[in-house]
């Protein structure tokens, strides 16, 4: 259960990082 939550968290985290990088690059 904990591992799945971590998996979801890291996926969302990397999505946010990509969005932030795209925003900064603009």
PDB file of N, CA and C in Angstrom:
ATOM      1  N   UNK A   1       0.844  -1.200   0.000  1.00  0.00           N
ATOM      2  CA  UNK A   1       0.000   0.000   0.000  1.00  0.00           C
ATOM      3  C   UNK A   1       0.879   1.250   0.000  1.00  0.00           C
ATOM      4  N   UNK A   2       1.886   1.218   0.886  1.00  0.00           N
ATOM      5  CA  UNK A   2       2.769   2.378   0.995  1.00  0.00           C
ATOM      6  C   UNK A   2       3.551   2.578  -0.304  1.00  0.00           C
ATOM      7  N   UNK A   3       3.981   1.445  -0.890  1.00  0.00           N
ATOM      8  CA  UNK A   3       4.760   1.516  -2.117  1.00  0.00           C
ATOM      9  C   UNK A   3       3.922   2.095  -3.261  1.00  0.00           C
ATOM     10  N   UNK A   4       2.657   1.700  -3.323  1.00  0.00           N
ATOM     11  CA  UNK A   4       1.777   2.210  -4.368  1.00  0.00           C
ATOM     12  C   UNK A   4       1.582   3.713  -4.212  1.00  0.00           C
ATOM     13  N   UNK A   5       1.405   4.155  -2.969  1.00  0.00           N
ATOM     14  CA  UNK A   5       1.218   5.583  -2.713  1.00  0.00           C
ATOM     15  C   UNK A   5       2.468   6.353  -3.129  1.00  0.00           C
ATOM     16  N   UNK A   6       3.634   5.785  -2.836  1.00  0.00           N
ATOM     17  CA  UNK A   6       4.891   6.426  -3.215  1.00  0.00           C
ATOM     18  C   UNK A   6       5.016   6.493  -4.731  1.00  0.00           C
ATOM     19  N   UNK A   7       4.583   5.435  -5.400  1.00  0.00           N
ATOM     20  CA  UNK A   7       4.635   5.365  -6.851  1.00  0.00           C
ATOM     21  C   UNK A   7       3.781   6.471  -7.468  1.00  0.00           C
ATOM     22  N   UNK A   8       2.571   6.617  -6.957  1.00  0.00           N
ATOM     23  CA  UNK A   8       1.664   7.656  -7.440  1.00  0.00           C
ATOM     24  C   UNK A   8       2.249   9.037  -7.159  1.00  0.00           C
ATOM     25  N   UNK A   9       2.789   9.212  -5.960  1.00  0.00           N
ATOM     26  CA  UNK A   9       3.364  10.499  -5.577  1.00  0.00           C
ATOM     27  C   UNK A   9       4.514  10.889  -6.496  1.00  0.00           C
ATOM     28  N   UNK A  10       5.414   9.948  -6.764  1.00  0.00           N
ATOM     29  CA  UNK A  10       6.561  10.265  -7.611  1.00  0.00           C
ATOM     30  C   UNK A  10       6.127  10.541  -9.052  1.00  0.00           C
ATOM     31  N   UNK A  11       5.063   9.872  -9.511  1.00  0.00           N
ATOM     32  CA  UNK A  11       4.547  10.134 -10.853  1.00  0.00           C
ATOM     33  C   UNK A  11       4.007  11.558 -10.940  1.00  0.00           C
ATOM     34  N   UNK A  12       3.179  11.939  -9.972  1.00  0.00           N
ATOM     35  CA  UNK A  12       2.621  13.289  -9.928  1.00  0.00           C
ATOM     36  C   UNK A  12       3.750  14.312  -9.801  1.00  0.00           C
ATOM     37  N   UNK A  13       4.730  13.997  -8.951  1.00  0.00           N
ATOM     38  CA  UNK A  13       5.857  14.906  -8.732  1.00  0.00           C
ATOM     39  C   UNK A  13       6.595  15.183 -10.039  1.00  0.00           C
ATOM     40  N   UNK A  14       6.872  14.142 -10.818  1.00  0.00           N
ATOM     41  CA  UNK A  14       7.595  14.343 -12.075  1.00  0.00           C
ATOM     42  C   UNK A  14       6.742  15.108 -13.089  1.00  0.00           C
ATOM     43  N   UNK A  15       5.425  14.907 -13.054  1.00  0.00           N
ATOM     44  CA  UNK A  15       4.536  15.661 -13.932  1.00  0.00           C
ATOM     45  C   UNK A  15       4.608  17.144 -13.589  1.00  0.00           C
ATOM     46  N   UNK A  16       4.578  17.447 -12.296  1.00  0.00           N
ATOM     47  CA  UNK A  16       4.651  18.832 -11.831  1.00  0.00           C
ATOM     48  C   UNK A  16       5.986  19.460 -12.240  1.00  0.00           C
ATOM     49  N   UNK A  17       7.057  18.701 -12.110  1.00  0.00           N
ATOM     50  CA  UNK A  17       8.381  19.204 -12.490  1.00  0.00           C
ATOM     51  C   UNK A  17       8.404  19.538 -13.979  1.00  0.00           C
ATOM     52  N   UNK A  18       7.841  18.673 -14.807  1.00  0.00           N
ATOM     53  CA  UNK A  18       7.805  18.920 -16.245  1.00  0.00           C
ATOM     54  C   UNK A  18       6.996  20.174 -16.556  1.00  0.00           C
ATOM     55  N   UNK A  19       5.857  20.335 -15.905  1.00  0.00           N
ATOM     56  CA  UNK A  19       5.023  21.514 -16.111  1.00  0.00           C
ATOM     57  C   UNK A  19       5.778  22.773 -15.712  1.00  0.00           C
ATOM     58  N   UNK A  20       6.459  22.705 -14.570  1.00  0.00           N
ATOM     59  CA  UNK A  20       7.220  23.856 -14.080  1.00  0.00           C
ATOM     60  C   UNK A  20       8.339  24.210 -15.045  1.00  0.00           C
ATOM     61  N   UNK A  21       9.057  23.213 -15.542  1.00  0.00           N
ATOM     62  CA  UNK A  21      10.143  23.461 -16.487  1.00  0.00           C
ATOM     63  C   UNK A  21       9.595  24.091 -17.762  1.00  0.00           C
ATOM     64  N   UNK A  22       8.447  23.612 -18.234  1.00  0.00           N
ATOM     65  CA  UNK A  22       7.834  24.159 -19.436  1.00  0.00           C
ATOM     66  C   UNK A  22       7.435  25.617 -19.210  1.00  0.00           C
ATOM     67  N   UNK A  23       6.920  25.896 -18.025  1.00  0.00           N
ATOM     68  CA  UNK A  23       6.509  27.250 -17.677  1.00  0.00           C
ATOM     69  C   UNK A  23       7.718  28.176 -17.639  1.00  0.00           C
ATOM     70  N   UNK A  24       8.788  27.711 -16.996  1.00  0.00           N
ATOM     71  CA  UNK A  24      10.009  28.518 -16.871  1.00  0.00           C
ATOM     72  C   UNK A  24      10.651  28.751 -18.239  1.00  0.00           C
ATOM     73  N   UNK A  25      10.577  27.755 -19.098  1.00  0.00           N
ATOM     74  CA  UNK A  25      11.195  27.856 -20.420  1.00  0.00           C
ATOM     75  C   UNK A  25      10.487  28.888 -21.294  1.00  0.00           C
ATOM     76  N   UNK A  26       9.240  29.144 -21.026  1.00  0.00           N
ATOM     77  CA  UNK A  26       8.461  30.089 -21.827  1.00  0.00           C
ATOM     78  C   UNK A  26       8.987  31.504 -21.673  1.00  0.00           C
TER      79      UNK A  26
END
